[in-house]
Amino acid sequence: QLQLVESGGGLVQPGGSLRLSCAASGRNLDYYAIGWFRQAPGKEREGVSCIDDGGGSTDYADSVKGRFTISRDNAKKTVYLQMNSLKPEDTAVYYCWVPPYWGQGTQVTVSS
């Protein structure tokens, strides 16, 4: 079993930044690719970013390219999502995903 706990969400003004963390317990993350997803009210869950097991390959949704950065620290069993230049349309619950496990999510609200 693998447990995932996201943190770092909150209320931020447009243009602001947040760093989300996804901490794993129960297993090491060394051999897993990891993804960040988000789900806004009334919308389907969508992929935001992913990173391979070694951290050498990353991918981003077009809507967040150039603003978000995914990274991982396998020694700390933690994955991060640095979010800069936040926009109101980034408002959502953000989830990390280590197939087939999901975290409980952390709310990000971008509003003035």
C-alpha atoms as a PDB file:
ATOM      1  CA  GLN A   1       0.000   0.000   0.000  1.00  0.00           C
ATOM      2  CA  LEU A   2       1.036   3.540  -0.672  1.00  0.00           C
ATOM      3  CA  GLN A   3      -0.457   6.549   1.078  1.00  0.00           C
ATOM      4  CA  LEU A   4      -0.212  10.004  -0.461  1.00  0.00           C
ATOM      5  CA  VAL A   5      -0.842  13.255   1.385  1.00  0.00           C
ATOM      6  CA  GLU A   6      -0.940  16.580  -0.434  1.00  0.00           C
ATOM      7  CA  SER A   7      -0.336  19.897   1.279  1.00  0.00           C
ATOM      8  CA  GLY A   8       0.479  23.488   0.459  1.00  0.00           C
ATOM      9  CA  GLY A   9      -2.811  24.634  -0.999  1.00  0.00           C
ATOM     10  CA  GLY A  10      -4.551  27.809   0.024  1.00  0.00           C
ATOM     11  CA  LEU A  11      -5.922  31.150  -1.093  1.00  0.00           C
ATOM     12  CA  VAL A  12      -3.638  33.300  -3.227  1.00  0.00           C
ATOM     13  CA  GLN A  13      -4.104  36.404  -5.322  1.00  0.00           C
ATOM     14  CA  PRO A  14      -3.727  36.303  -9.102  1.00  0.00           C
ATOM     15  CA  GLY A  15      -0.068  36.434  -9.992  1.00  0.00           C
ATOM     16  CA  GLY A  16       0.934  34.775  -6.756  1.00  0.00           C
ATOM     17  CA  SER A  17       2.727  31.512  -6.098  1.00  0.00           C
ATOM     18  CA  LEU A  18       2.196  28.317  -4.152  1.00  0.00           C
ATOM     19  CA  ARG A  19       4.220  25.171  -3.739  1.00  0.00           C
ATOM     20  CA  LEU A  20       2.299  21.952  -3.345  1.00  0.00           C
ATOM     21  CA  SER A  21       3.837  18.887  -1.754  1.00  0.00           C
ATOM     22  CA  CYS A  22       2.835  15.254  -2.024  1.00  0.00           C
ATOM     23  CA  ALA A  23       4.338  13.109   0.709  1.00  0.00           C
ATOM     24  CA  ALA A  24       4.306   9.349   0.363  1.00  0.00           C
ATOM     25  CA  SER A  25       4.366   6.698   3.028  1.00  0.00           C
ATOM     26  CA  GLY A  26       4.260   2.939   2.921  1.00  0.00           C
ATOM     27  CA  ARG A  27       6.618   2.583  -0.025  1.00  0.00           C
ATOM     28  CA  ASN A  28       9.536   4.313  -1.624  1.00  0.00           C
ATOM     29  CA  LEU A  29       8.789   6.347  -4.722  1.00  0.00           C
ATOM     30  CA  ASP A  30      12.026   5.530  -6.484  1.00  0.00           C
ATOM     31  CA  TYR A  31      10.533   3.439  -9.259  1.00  0.00           C
ATOM     32  CA  TYR A  32       7.289   5.293  -9.828  1.00  0.00           C
ATOM     33  CA  ALA A  33       6.303   7.962 -12.273  1.00  0.00           C
ATOM     34  CA  ILE A  34       4.127  10.542 -10.528  1.00  0.00           C
ATOM     35  CA  GLY A  35       1.467  12.903 -11.747  1.00  0.00           C
ATOM     36  CA  TRP A  36      -0.371  15.975 -10.532  1.00  0.00           C
ATOM     37  CA  PHE A  37      -4.015  16.369 -11.513  1.00  0.00           C
ATOM     38  CA  ARG A  38      -6.633  18.949 -10.694  1.00  0.00           C
ATOM     39  CA  GLN A  39     -10.389  19.141 -10.637  1.00  0.00           C
ATOM     40  CA  ALA A  40     -12.334  22.364 -10.714  1.00  0.00           C
ATOM     41  CA  PRO A  41     -15.995  22.547  -9.639  1.00  0.00           C
ATOM     42  CA  GLY A  42     -18.241  21.087 -12.309  1.00  0.00           C
ATOM     43  CA  LYS A  43     -15.326  19.920 -14.423  1.00  0.00           C
ATOM     44  CA  GLU A  44     -13.562  16.641 -15.025  1.00  0.00           C
ATOM     45  CA  ARG A  45     -10.245  15.863 -13.417  1.00  0.00           C
ATOM     46  CA  GLU A  46      -7.409  16.853 -15.717  1.00  0.00           C
ATOM     47  CA  GLY A  47      -3.714  16.151 -15.845  1.00  0.00           C
ATOM     48  CA  VAL A  48      -1.432  19.020 -14.918  1.00  0.00           C
ATOM     49  CA  SER A  49       2.061  17.602 -14.881  1.00  0.00           C
ATOM     50  CA  CYS A  50       4.016  14.383 -14.548  1.00  0.00           C
ATOM     51  CA  ILE A  51       7.562  13.314 -13.813  1.00  0.00           C
ATOM     52  CA  ASP A  52       9.376  10.053 -14.451  1.00  0.00           C
ATOM     53  CA  ASP A  53      10.927   7.902 -11.768  1.00  0.00           C
ATOM     54  CA  GLY A  54      14.352   9.479 -12.071  1.00  0.00           C
ATOM     55  CA  GLY A  55      13.117  13.022 -12.346  1.00  0.00           C
ATOM     56  CA  GLY A  56      14.802  13.524 -15.683  1.00  0.00           C
ATOM     57  CA  SER A  57      11.690  13.750 -17.784  1.00  0.00           C
ATOM     58  CA  THR A  58       8.720  16.007 -17.129  1.00  0.00           C
ATOM     59  CA  ASP A  59       5.604  17.020 -18.985  1.00  0.00           C
ATOM     60  CA  TYR A  60       3.033  19.748 -18.537  1.00  0.00           C
ATOM     61  CA  ALA A  61      -0.438  20.631 -19.695  1.00  0.00           C
ATOM     62  CA  ASP A  62      -0.373  23.510 -22.162  1.00  0.00           C
ATOM     63  CA  SER A  63      -2.346  25.638 -19.729  1.00  0.00           C
ATOM     64  CA  VAL A  64       0.441  25.566 -17.124  1.00  0.00           C
ATOM     65  CA  LYS A  65       3.607  25.395 -19.228  1.00  0.00           C
ATOM     66  CA  GLY A  66       6.105  28.035 -18.228  1.00  0.00           C
ATOM     67  CA  ARG A  67       4.324  28.678 -14.929  1.00  0.00           C
ATOM     68  CA  PHE A  68       4.399  25.337 -13.063  1.00  0.00           C
ATOM     69  CA  THR A  69       7.397  23.162 -12.261  1.00  0.00           C
ATOM     70  CA  ILE A  70       7.247  19.585 -11.019  1.00  0.00           C
ATOM     71  CA  SER A  71      10.117  18.062  -9.069  1.00  0.00           C
ATOM     72  CA  ARG A  72      10.762  15.174  -6.731  1.00  0.00           C
ATOM     73  CA  ASP A  73      12.982  14.214  -3.836  1.00  0.00           C
ATOM     74  CA  ASN A  74      13.032  10.438  -3.637  1.00  0.00           C
ATOM     75  CA  ALA A  75      15.019  10.483  -0.392  1.00  0.00           C
ATOM     76  CA  LYS A  76      12.181  12.448   1.219  1.00  0.00           C
ATOM     77  CA  LYS A  77       9.520  10.476  -0.680  1.00  0.00           C
ATOM     78  CA  THR A  78       8.002  13.769  -1.744  1.00  0.00           C
ATOM     79  CA  VAL A  79       6.917  15.323  -5.008  1.00  0.00           C
ATOM     80  CA  TYR A  80       6.468  19.036  -5.457  1.00  0.00           C
ATOM     81  CA  LEU A  81       4.528  21.308  -7.762  1.00  0.00           C
ATOM     82  CA  GLN A  82       5.777  24.876  -7.824  1.00  0.00           C
ATOM     83  CA  MET A  83       3.041  27.093  -9.185  1.00  0.00           C
ATOM     84  CA  ASN A  84       3.870  30.648 -10.248  1.00  0.00           C
ATOM     85  CA  SER A  85       1.876  33.378 -11.948  1.00  0.00           C
ATOM     86  CA  LEU A  86      -1.335  31.798 -10.740  1.00  0.00           C
ATOM     87  CA  LYS A  87      -4.572  32.624 -12.483  1.00  0.00           C
ATOM     88  CA  PRO A  88      -8.190  32.337 -11.326  1.00  0.00           C
ATOM     89  CA  GLU A  89      -8.635  29.449 -13.751  1.00  0.00           C
ATOM     90  CA  ASP A  90      -6.038  27.483 -11.770  1.00  0.00           C
ATOM     91  CA  THR A  91      -8.558  27.245  -8.937  1.00  0.00           C
ATOM     92  CA  ALA A  92      -9.175  23.563  -8.258  1.00  0.00           C
ATOM     93  CA  VAL A  93      -8.492  20.687  -5.935  1.00  0.00           C
ATOM     94  CA  TYR A  94      -5.040  19.353  -6.766  1.00  0.00           C
ATOM     95  CA  TYR A  95      -4.252  15.663  -6.447  1.00  0.00           C
ATOM     96  CA  CYS A  96      -1.100  13.643  -6.777  1.00  0.00           C
ATOM     97  CA  TRP A  97      -1.239  10.241  -8.420  1.00  0.00           C
ATOM     98  CA  VAL A  98       1.083   7.308  -8.180  1.00  0.00           C
ATOM     99  CA  PRO A  99      -0.709   4.642 -10.172  1.00  0.00           C
ATOM    100  CA  PRO A 100      -3.075   3.355  -8.931  1.00  0.00           C
ATOM    101  CA  TYR A 101      -3.048   5.491  -5.772  1.00  0.00           C
ATOM    102  CA  TRP A 102      -4.523   8.964  -5.248  1.00  0.00           C
ATOM    103  CA  GLY A 103      -4.073  11.450  -2.472  1.00  0.00           C
ATOM    104  CA  GLN A 104      -6.995  13.225  -0.826  1.00  0.00           C
ATOM    105  CA  GLY A 105      -6.292  16.510  -2.591  1.00  0.00           C
ATOM    106  CA  THR A 106      -5.475  20.051  -1.545  1.00  0.00           C
ATOM    107  CA  GLN A 107      -7.581  23.089  -2.438  1.00  0.00           C
ATOM    108  CA  VAL A 108      -6.017  25.916  -4.412  1.00  0.00           C
ATOM    109  CA  THR A 109      -8.059  29.084  -4.773  1.00  0.00           C
ATOM    110  CA  VAL A 110      -6.811  31.991  -6.856  1.00  0.00           C
ATOM    111  CA  SER A 111      -8.868  35.083  -6.227  1.00  0.00           C
ATOM    112  CA  SER A 112      -8.513  38.748  -5.452  1.00  0.00           C
END
